[in-house]
All heavy atoms as atom14 arrays in JSON, in Angstrom:
{
  "sequence": "KRPVKEVDFGFVGDVKQVAHQSINTLIQANFTPVFCAITHDG",
  "atom14_mask": [
    [1, 1, 1, 1, 1, 1, 1, 1, 1, 0, 0, 0, 0, 0],
    [1, 1, 1, 1, 1, 1, 1, 1, 1, 1, 1, 0, 0, 0],
    [1, 1, 1, 1, 1, 1, 1, 0, 0, 0, 0, 0, 0, 0],
    [1, 1, 1, 1, 1, 1, 1, 0, 0, 0, 0, 0, 0, 0],
    [1, 1, 1, 1, 1, 1, 1, 1, 1, 0, 0, 0, 0, 0],
    [1, 1, 1, 1, 1, 1, 1, 1, 1, 0, 0, 0, 0, 0],
    [1, 1, 1, 1, 1, 1, 1, 0, 0, 0, 0, 0, 0, 0],
    [1, 1, 1, 1, 1, 1, 1, 1, 0, 0, 0, 0, 0, 0],
    [1, 1, 1, 1, 1, 1, 1, 1, 1, 1, 1, 0, 0, 0],
    [1, 1, 1, 1, 0, 0, 0, 0, 0, 0, 0, 0, 0, 0],
    [1, 1, 1, 1, 1, 1, 1, 1, 1, 1, 1, 0, 0, 0],
    [1, 1, 1, 1, 1, 1, 1, 0, 0, 0, 0, 0, 0, 0],
    [1, 1, 1, 1, 0, 0, 0, 0, 0, 0, 0, 0, 0, 0],
    [1, 1, 1, 1, 1, 1, 1, 1, 0, 0, 0, 0, 0, 0],
    [1, 1, 1, 1, 1, 1, 1, 0, 0, 0, 0, 0, 0, 0],
    [1, 1, 1, 1, 1, 1, 1, 1, 1, 0, 0, 0, 0, 0],
    [1, 1, 1, 1, 1, 1, 1, 1, 1, 0, 0, 0, 0, 0],
    [1, 1, 1, 1, 1, 1, 1, 0, 0, 0, 0, 0, 0, 0],
    [1, 1, 1, 1, 1, 0, 0, 0, 0, 0, 0, 0, 0, 0],
    [1, 1, 1, 1, 1, 1, 1, 1, 1, 1, 0, 0, 0, 0],
    [1, 1, 1, 1, 1, 1, 1, 1, 1, 0, 0, 0, 0, 0],
    [1, 1, 1, 1, 1, 1, 0, 0, 0, 0, 0, 0, 0, 0],
    [1, 1, 1, 1, 1, 1, 1, 1, 0, 0, 0, 0, 0, 0],
    [1, 1, 1, 1, 1, 1, 1, 1, 0, 0, 0, 0, 0, 0],
    [1, 1, 1, 1, 1, 1, 1, 0, 0, 0, 0, 0, 0, 0],
    [1, 1, 1, 1, 1, 1, 1, 1, 0, 0, 0, 0, 0, 0],
    [1, 1, 1, 1, 1, 1, 1, 1, 0, 0, 0, 0, 0, 0],
    [1, 1, 1, 1, 1, 1, 1, 1, 1, 0, 0, 0, 0, 0],
    [1, 1, 1, 1, 1, 0, 0, 0, 0, 0, 0, 0, 0, 0],
    [1, 1, 1, 1, 1, 1, 1, 1, 0, 0, 0, 0, 0, 0],
    [1, 1, 1, 1, 1, 1, 1, 1, 1, 1, 1, 0, 0, 0],
    [1, 1, 1, 1, 1, 1, 1, 0, 0, 0, 0, 0, 0, 0],
    [1, 1, 1, 1, 1, 1, 1, 0, 0, 0, 0, 0, 0, 0],
    [1, 1, 1, 1, 1, 1, 1, 0, 0, 0, 0, 0, 0, 0],
    [1, 1, 1, 1, 1, 1, 1, 1, 1, 1, 1, 0, 0, 0],
    [1, 1, 1, 1, 1, 1, 0, 0, 0, 0, 0, 0, 0, 0],
    [1, 1, 1, 1, 1, 0, 0, 0, 0, 0, 0, 0, 0, 0],
    [1, 1, 1, 1, 1, 1, 1, 1, 0, 0, 0, 0, 0, 0],
    [1, 1, 1, 1, 1, 1, 1, 0, 0, 0, 0, 0, 0, 0],
    [1, 1, 1, 1, 1, 1, 1, 1, 1, 1, 0, 0, 0, 0],
    [1, 1, 1, 1, 1, 1, 1, 1, 0, 0, 0, 0, 0, 0],
    [1, 1, 1, 1, 0, 0, 0, 0, 0, 0, 0, 0, 0, 0]
  ],
  "atom14_positions": [
    [[109.3, 98.77, 92.61], [110.17, 97.64, 92.28], [109.42, 96.72, 91.34], [108.25, 96.4, 91.55], [110.55, 96.91, 93.57], [111.62, 95.85, 93.4], [112.13, 95.42, 94.79], [113.15, 94.31, 94.68], [112.58, 93.0, 94.45], [0.0, 0.0, 0.0], [0.0, 0.0, 0.0], [0.0, 0.0, 0.0], [0.0, 0.0, 0.0], [0.0, 0.0, 0.0]],
    [[110.09, 96.32, 90.27], [109.45, 95.47, 89.27], [109.03, 94.14, 89.89], [109.84, 93.46, 90.51], [110.41, 95.22, 88.1], [109.75, 94.44, 86.96], [110.62, 94.42, 85.73], [110.84, 95.77, 85.21], [111.78, 96.07, 84.33], [112.6, 95.14, 83.88], [111.92, 97.31, 83.9], [0.0, 0.0, 0.0], [0.0, 0.0, 0.0], [0.0, 0.0, 0.0]],
    [[107.74, 93.76, 89.73], [107.29, 92.48, 90.32], [107.97, 91.29, 89.66], [108.34, 91.34, 88.48], [105.78, 92.47, 90.05], [105.56, 93.46, 88.96], [106.66, 94.47, 89.03], [0.0, 0.0, 0.0], [0.0, 0.0, 0.0], [0.0, 0.0, 0.0], [0.0, 0.0, 0.0], [0.0, 0.0, 0.0], [0.0, 0.0, 0.0], [0.0, 0.0, 0.0]],
    [[108.16, 90.24, 90.44], [108.8, 89.03, 89.9], [107.79, 88.24, 89.09], [106.73, 87.86, 89.6], [109.35, 88.15, 91.06], [109.98, 86.87, 90.52], [110.37, 88.94, 91.88], [0.0, 0.0, 0.0], [0.0, 0.0, 0.0], [0.0, 0.0, 0.0], [0.0, 0.0, 0.0], [0.0, 0.0, 0.0], [0.0, 0.0, 0.0], [0.0, 0.0, 0.0]],
    [[108.11, 88.02, 87.81], [107.27, 87.15, 86.96], [108.15, 85.98, 86.55], [108.53, 85.18, 87.39], [106.7, 87.93, 85.78], [105.65, 88.96, 86.27], [105.05, 89.76, 85.14], [104.06, 90.78, 85.7], [103.75, 91.81, 84.7], [0.0, 0.0, 0.0], [0.0, 0.0, 0.0], [0.0, 0.0, 0.0], [0.0, 0.0, 0.0], [0.0, 0.0, 0.0]],
    [[108.5, 85.87, 85.26], [109.4, 84.77, 84.86], [110.81, 85.02, 85.4], [111.55, 84.09, 85.68], [109.48, 84.62, 83.34], [108.17, 84.24, 82.65], [107.32, 85.46, 82.33], [107.86, 86.47, 81.84], [106.11, 85.41, 82.59], [0.0, 0.0, 0.0], [0.0, 0.0, 0.0], [0.0, 0.0, 0.0], [0.0, 0.0, 0.0], [0.0, 0.0, 0.0]],
    [[111.16, 86.32, 85.51], [112.52, 86.69, 85.92], [112.46, 87.62, 87.12], [111.62, 88.53, 87.16], [113.25, 87.41, 84.75], [114.66, 87.82, 85.13], [113.29, 86.53, 83.5], [0.0, 0.0, 0.0], [0.0, 0.0, 0.0], [0.0, 0.0, 0.0], [0.0, 0.0, 0.0], [0.0, 0.0, 0.0], [0.0, 0.0, 0.0], [0.0, 0.0, 0.0]],
    [[113.35, 87.41, 88.08], [113.5, 88.36, 89.19], [114.63, 89.32, 88.81], [115.8, 88.96, 88.83], [113.84, 87.61, 90.48], [113.94, 88.55, 91.68], [113.84, 89.79, 91.48], [114.14, 88.06, 92.81], [0.0, 0.0, 0.0], [0.0, 0.0, 0.0], [0.0, 0.0, 0.0], [0.0, 0.0, 0.0], [0.0, 0.0, 0.0], [0.0, 0.0, 0.0]],
    [[114.26, 90.55, 88.44], [115.25, 91.53, 88.02], [115.94, 92.2, 89.21], [116.85, 93.0, 89.03], [114.61, 92.59, 87.11], [114.37, 92.09, 85.71], [113.11, 91.67, 85.3], [115.42, 92.03, 84.8], [112.9, 91.2, 84.01], [115.22, 91.56, 83.5], [113.96, 91.14, 83.11], [0.0, 0.0, 0.0], [0.0, 0.0, 0.0], [0.0, 0.0, 0.0]],
    [[115.5, 91.9, 90.41], [116.12, 92.47, 91.6], [115.68, 93.91, 91.81], [114.5, 94.24, 91.68], [0.0, 0.0, 0.0], [0.0, 0.0, 0.0], [0.0, 0.0, 0.0], [0.0, 0.0, 0.0], [0.0, 0.0, 0.0], [0.0, 0.0, 0.0], [0.0, 0.0, 0.0], [0.0, 0.0, 0.0], [0.0, 0.0, 0.0], [0.0, 0.0, 0.0]],
    [[116.65, 94.78, 92.12], [116.34, 96.17, 92.46], [116.21, 97.02, 91.2], [117.0, 97.94, 90.96], [117.41, 96.73, 93.41], [117.41, 96.05, 94.75], [118.35, 95.06, 95.03], [116.46, 96.37, 95.71], [118.35, 94.42, 96.27], [116.44, 95.72, 96.94], [117.39, 94.74, 97.22], [0.0, 0.0, 0.0], [0.0, 0.0, 0.0], [0.0, 0.0, 0.0]],
    [[115.2, 96.69, 90.41], [114.91, 97.43, 89.18], [113.56, 98.12, 89.37], [112.61, 97.52, 89.86], [114.88, 96.48, 87.96], [114.28, 97.17, 86.74], [116.3, 96.0, 87.64], [0.0, 0.0, 0.0], [0.0, 0.0, 0.0], [0.0, 0.0, 0.0], [0.0, 0.0, 0.0], [0.0, 0.0, 0.0], [0.0, 0.0, 0.0], [0.0, 0.0, 0.0]],
    [[113.48, 99.4, 88.97], [112.25, 100.16, 89.19], [111.53, 100.5, 87.91], [112.16, 100.75, 86.88], [0.0, 0.0, 0.0], [0.0, 0.0, 0.0], [0.0, 0.0, 0.0], [0.0, 0.0, 0.0], [0.0, 0.0, 0.0], [0.0, 0.0, 0.0], [0.0, 0.0, 0.0], [0.0, 0.0, 0.0], [0.0, 0.0, 0.0], [0.0, 0.0, 0.0]],
    [[110.2, 100.48, 87.97], [109.35, 100.97, 86.87], [108.74, 102.29, 87.33], [108.14, 102.36, 88.41], [108.26, 99.95, 86.53], [108.87, 98.65, 85.99], [109.77, 98.74, 85.15], [108.43, 97.56, 86.42], [0.0, 0.0, 0.0], [0.0, 0.0, 0.0], [0.0, 0.0, 0.0], [0.0, 0.0, 0.0], [0.0, 0.0, 0.0], [0.0, 0.0, 0.0]],
    [[108.9, 103.33, 86.52], [108.5, 104.69, 86.93], [107.01, 104.78, 87.2], [106.18, 104.33, 86.4], [108.92, 105.74, 85.86], [108.44, 107.14, 86.25], [110.43, 105.73, 85.68], [0.0, 0.0, 0.0], [0.0, 0.0, 0.0], [0.0, 0.0, 0.0], [0.0, 0.0, 0.0], [0.0, 0.0, 0.0], [0.0, 0.0, 0.0], [0.0, 0.0, 0.0]],
    [[106.69, 105.38, 88.34], [105.3, 105.52, 88.77], [104.86, 106.98, 88.7], [103.75, 107.29, 88.36], [105.21, 105.01, 90.23], [103.86, 104.5, 90.65], [103.94, 103.75, 91.98], [104.29, 104.66, 93.14], [104.26, 103.99, 94.44], [0.0, 0.0, 0.0], [0.0, 0.0, 0.0], [0.0, 0.0, 0.0], [0.0, 0.0, 0.0], [0.0, 0.0, 0.0]],
    [[105.79, 107.88, 89.03], [105.4, 109.28, 89.18], [106.6, 110.21, 88.99], [107.7, 109.92, 89.47], [104.87, 109.4, 90.6], [104.29, 110.67, 91.07], [103.88, 110.47, 92.54], [103.37, 109.41, 92.91], [104.12, 111.45, 93.37], [0.0, 0.0, 0.0], [0.0, 0.0, 0.0], [0.0, 0.0, 0.0], [0.0, 0.0, 0.0], [0.0, 0.0, 0.0]],
    [[106.38, 111.31, 88.27], [107.42, 112.32, 88.05], [106.95, 113.63, 88.67], [105.85, 114.1, 88.39], [107.69, 112.51, 86.53], [108.61, 113.7, 86.28], [108.31, 111.25, 85.94], [0.0, 0.0, 0.0], [0.0, 0.0, 0.0], [0.0, 0.0, 0.0], [0.0, 0.0, 0.0], [0.0, 0.0, 0.0], [0.0, 0.0, 0.0], [0.0, 0.0, 0.0]],
    [[107.78, 114.22, 89.53], [107.42, 115.47, 90.21], [107.79, 116.65, 89.31], [108.83, 117.29, 89.48], [108.13, 115.55, 91.55], [0.0, 0.0, 0.0], [0.0, 0.0, 0.0], [0.0, 0.0, 0.0], [0.0, 0.0, 0.0], [0.0, 0.0, 0.0], [0.0, 0.0, 0.0], [0.0, 0.0, 0.0], [0.0, 0.0, 0.0], [0.0, 0.0, 0.0]],
    [[106.91, 116.9, 88.32], [107.25, 117.91, 87.3], [107.42, 119.31, 87.89], [108.24, 120.09, 87.41], [106.22, 117.91, 86.16], [104.82, 118.16, 86.58], [104.0, 117.19, 87.11], [104.08, 119.31, 86.54], [102.82, 117.72, 87.37], [102.85, 118.99, 87.05], [0.0, 0.0, 0.0], [0.0, 0.0, 0.0], [0.0, 0.0, 0.0], [0.0, 0.0, 0.0]],
    [[106.67, 119.62, 88.96], [106.79, 120.96, 89.56], [108.15, 121.14, 90.23], [108.76, 122.21, 90.13], [105.67, 121.2, 90.59], [104.27, 121.24, 90.0], [104.0, 122.49, 89.14], [104.88, 123.3, 88.88], [102.76, 122.63, 88.68], [0.0, 0.0, 0.0], [0.0, 0.0, 0.0], [0.0, 0.0, 0.0], [0.0, 0.0, 0.0], [0.0, 0.0, 0.0]],
    [[108.63, 120.09, 90.89], [109.96, 120.17, 91.54], [111.06, 120.33, 90.51], [111.98, 121.13, 90.67], [110.22, 118.9, 92.37], [109.25, 118.77, 93.37], [0.0, 0.0, 0.0], [0.0, 0.0, 0.0], [0.0, 0.0, 0.0], [0.0, 0.0, 0.0], [0.0, 0.0, 0.0], [0.0, 0.0, 0.0], [0.0, 0.0, 0.0], [0.0, 0.0, 0.0]],
    [[110.97, 119.54, 89.43], [111.98, 119.64, 88.36], [111.91, 121.05, 87.74], [112.94, 121.66, 87.45], [111.75, 118.55, 87.28], [111.93, 117.15, 87.91], [112.71, 118.73, 86.1], [111.49, 115.99, 87.03], [0.0, 0.0, 0.0], [0.0, 0.0, 0.0], [0.0, 0.0, 0.0], [0.0, 0.0, 0.0], [0.0, 0.0, 0.0], [0.0, 0.0, 0.0]],
    [[110.69, 121.55, 87.59], [110.52, 122.88, 86.99], [111.1, 123.98, 87.88], [111.6, 124.99, 87.37], [109.04, 123.16, 86.72], [108.86, 124.4, 85.85], [109.59, 124.58, 84.87], [107.94, 125.27, 86.21], [0.0, 0.0, 0.0], [0.0, 0.0, 0.0], [0.0, 0.0, 0.0], [0.0, 0.0, 0.0], [0.0, 0.0, 0.0], [0.0, 0.0, 0.0]],
    [[111.06, 123.79, 89.21], [111.67, 124.77, 90.12], [113.15, 124.93, 89.8], [113.68, 126.05, 89.77], [111.49, 124.32, 91.59], [110.09, 124.21, 91.85], [112.09, 125.3, 92.57], [0.0, 0.0, 0.0], [0.0, 0.0, 0.0], [0.0, 0.0, 0.0], [0.0, 0.0, 0.0], [0.0, 0.0, 0.0], [0.0, 0.0, 0.0], [0.0, 0.0, 0.0]],
    [[113.82, 123.81, 89.52], [115.25, 123.85, 89.16], [115.44, 124.55, 87.81], [116.34, 125.39, 87.65], [115.82, 122.44, 89.1], [115.82, 121.64, 90.42], [116.21, 120.19, 90.17], [116.74, 122.28, 91.44], [0.0, 0.0, 0.0], [0.0, 0.0, 0.0], [0.0, 0.0, 0.0], [0.0, 0.0, 0.0], [0.0, 0.0, 0.0], [0.0, 0.0, 0.0]],
    [[114.58, 124.19, 86.84], [114.69, 124.78, 85.49], [114.46, 126.29, 85.55], [115.19, 127.07, 84.92], [113.71, 124.1, 84.51], [114.16, 122.65, 84.25], [113.61, 124.86, 83.19], [113.15, 121.82, 83.48], [0.0, 0.0, 0.0], [0.0, 0.0, 0.0], [0.0, 0.0, 0.0], [0.0, 0.0, 0.0], [0.0, 0.0, 0.0], [0.0, 0.0, 0.0]],
    [[113.46, 126.71, 86.32], [113.14, 128.14, 86.44], [114.26, 128.91, 87.14], [114.4, 130.12, 86.97], [111.8, 128.34, 87.17], [110.58, 127.92, 86.35], [110.46, 128.67, 85.03], [110.67, 129.87, 84.95], [110.12, 127.94, 83.97], [0.0, 0.0, 0.0], [0.0, 0.0, 0.0], [0.0, 0.0, 0.0], [0.0, 0.0, 0.0], [0.0, 0.0, 0.0]],
    [[115.05, 128.19, 87.95], [116.2, 128.83, 88.61], [117.44, 128.81, 87.7], [118.55, 129.1, 88.14], [116.5, 128.11, 89.92], [0.0, 0.0, 0.0], [0.0, 0.0, 0.0], [0.0, 0.0, 0.0], [0.0, 0.0, 0.0], [0.0, 0.0, 0.0], [0.0, 0.0, 0.0], [0.0, 0.0, 0.0], [0.0, 0.0, 0.0], [0.0, 0.0, 0.0]],
    [[117.21, 128.46, 86.42], [118.28, 128.4, 85.39], [119.31, 127.31, 85.63], [120.46, 127.44, 85.23], [118.96, 129.77, 85.22], [118.03, 130.75, 84.54], [117.29, 130.38, 83.63], [118.04, 131.99, 85.0], [0.0, 0.0, 0.0], [0.0, 0.0, 0.0], [0.0, 0.0, 0.0], [0.0, 0.0, 0.0], [0.0, 0.0, 0.0], [0.0, 0.0, 0.0]],
    [[118.9, 126.23, 86.3], [119.75, 125.04, 86.38], [119.35, 124.09, 85.25], [118.18, 124.04, 84.86], [119.56, 124.32, 87.72], [120.02, 125.11, 88.91], [119.16, 125.33, 89.98], [121.31, 125.63, 88.99], [119.56, 126.06, 91.09], [121.72, 126.36, 90.09], [120.85, 126.58, 91.14], [0.0, 0.0, 0.0], [0.0, 0.0, 0.0], [0.0, 0.0, 0.0]],
    [[120.32, 123.31, 84.75], [120.04, 122.28, 83.76], [120.12, 120.92, 84.45], [121.22, 120.48, 84.82], [121.06, 122.35, 82.59], [120.89, 123.61, 81.93], [120.83, 121.21, 81.6], [0.0, 0.0, 0.0], [0.0, 0.0, 0.0], [0.0, 0.0, 0.0], [0.0, 0.0, 0.0], [0.0, 0.0, 0.0], [0.0, 0.0, 0.0], [0.0, 0.0, 0.0]],
    [[118.98, 120.24, 84.68], [119.01, 118.93, 85.35], [119.71, 117.88, 84.5], [119.49, 117.79, 83.3], [117.52, 118.59, 85.53], [116.8, 119.9, 85.42], [117.6, 120.7, 84.44], [0.0, 0.0, 0.0], [0.0, 0.0, 0.0], [0.0, 0.0, 0.0], [0.0, 0.0, 0.0], [0.0, 0.0, 0.0], [0.0, 0.0, 0.0], [0.0, 0.0, 0.0]],
    [[120.57, 117.08, 85.16], [121.25, 115.96, 84.51], [120.9, 114.7, 85.32], [121.41, 114.5, 86.42], [122.78, 116.16, 84.46], [123.47, 114.94, 83.84], [123.14, 117.43, 83.69], [0.0, 0.0, 0.0], [0.0, 0.0, 0.0], [0.0, 0.0, 0.0], [0.0, 0.0, 0.0], [0.0, 0.0, 0.0], [0.0, 0.0, 0.0], [0.0, 0.0, 0.0]],
    [[119.99, 113.91, 84.79], [119.5, 112.71, 85.5], [120.32, 111.49, 85.12], [120.54, 111.22, 83.93], [118.04, 112.41, 85.14], [117.05, 113.27, 85.87], [116.45, 114.35, 85.24], [116.72, 113.0, 87.2], [115.53, 115.15, 85.91], [115.81, 113.79, 87.88], [115.21, 114.87, 87.24], [0.0, 0.0, 0.0], [0.0, 0.0, 0.0], [0.0, 0.0, 0.0]],
    [[120.74, 110.72, 86.12], [121.28, 109.39, 85.85], [120.13, 108.38, 85.96], [119.02, 108.74, 86.35], [122.42, 109.05, 86.82], [121.89, 108.81, 88.52], [0.0, 0.0, 0.0], [0.0, 0.0, 0.0], [0.0, 0.0, 0.0], [0.0, 0.0, 0.0], [0.0, 0.0, 0.0], [0.0, 0.0, 0.0], [0.0, 0.0, 0.0], [0.0, 0.0, 0.0]],
    [[120.43, 107.12, 85.62], [119.35, 106.11, 85.5], [119.06, 105.42, 86.83], [119.02, 104.2, 86.93], [119.73, 105.1, 84.44], [0.0, 0.0, 0.0], [0.0, 0.0, 0.0], [0.0, 0.0, 0.0], [0.0, 0.0, 0.0], [0.0, 0.0, 0.0], [0.0, 0.0, 0.0], [0.0, 0.0, 0.0], [0.0, 0.0, 0.0], [0.0, 0.0, 0.0]],
    [[118.85, 106.24, 87.88], [118.5, 105.72, 89.21], [117.28, 106.46, 89.72], [117.22, 107.69, 89.64], [119.67, 105.91, 90.2], [120.91, 105.12, 89.76], [119.27, 105.5, 91.62], [122.16, 105.41, 90.58], [0.0, 0.0, 0.0], [0.0, 0.0, 0.0], [0.0, 0.0, 0.0], [0.0, 0.0, 0.0], [0.0, 0.0, 0.0], [0.0, 0.0, 0.0]],
    [[116.3, 105.71, 90.22], [115.11, 106.31, 90.84], [115.02, 105.79, 92.27], [115.95, 105.16, 92.78], [113.85, 105.94, 90.04], [113.73, 104.51, 90.01], [113.91, 106.45, 88.6], [0.0, 0.0, 0.0], [0.0, 0.0, 0.0], [0.0, 0.0, 0.0], [0.0, 0.0, 0.0], [0.0, 0.0, 0.0], [0.0, 0.0, 0.0], [0.0, 0.0, 0.0]],
    [[113.89, 106.04, 92.94], [113.71, 105.51, 94.3], [112.24, 105.17, 94.52], [111.38, 105.56, 93.73], [114.22, 106.52, 95.34], [113.28, 107.68, 95.58], [112.92, 108.1, 96.83], [112.63, 108.5, 94.72], [112.09, 109.14, 96.73], [111.9, 109.39, 95.47], [0.0, 0.0, 0.0], [0.0, 0.0, 0.0], [0.0, 0.0, 0.0], [0.0, 0.0, 0.0]],
    [[111.98, 104.41, 95.59], [110.6, 103.95, 95.82], [109.84, 104.78, 96.86], [108.71, 104.45, 97.22], [110.58, 102.46, 96.21], [111.16, 102.2, 97.6], [111.69, 103.15, 98.23], [111.1, 101.04, 98.05], [0.0, 0.0, 0.0], [0.0, 0.0, 0.0], [0.0, 0.0, 0.0], [0.0, 0.0, 0.0], [0.0, 0.0, 0.0], [0.0, 0.0, 0.0]],
    [[110.47, 105.85, 97.37], [109.81, 106.68, 98.38], [109.96, 106.13, 99.79], [109.58, 106.78, 100.76], [0.0, 0.0, 0.0], [0.0, 0.0, 0.0], [0.0, 0.0, 0.0], [0.0, 0.0, 0.0], [0.0, 0.0, 0.0], [0.0, 0.0, 0.0], [0.0, 0.0, 0.0], [0.0, 0.0, 0.0], [0.0, 0.0, 0.0], [0.0, 0.0, 0.0]]
  ]
}
């Protein structure tokens, strides 16, 4: 979650980590991933 500085953006995330192996499992299974602009904090 983006830290509050001059502005509190609320529930806005800055990307920390991408699970490239998990995404690749889908690609290798011939799926085409379609990502929307939502992440999660774990």
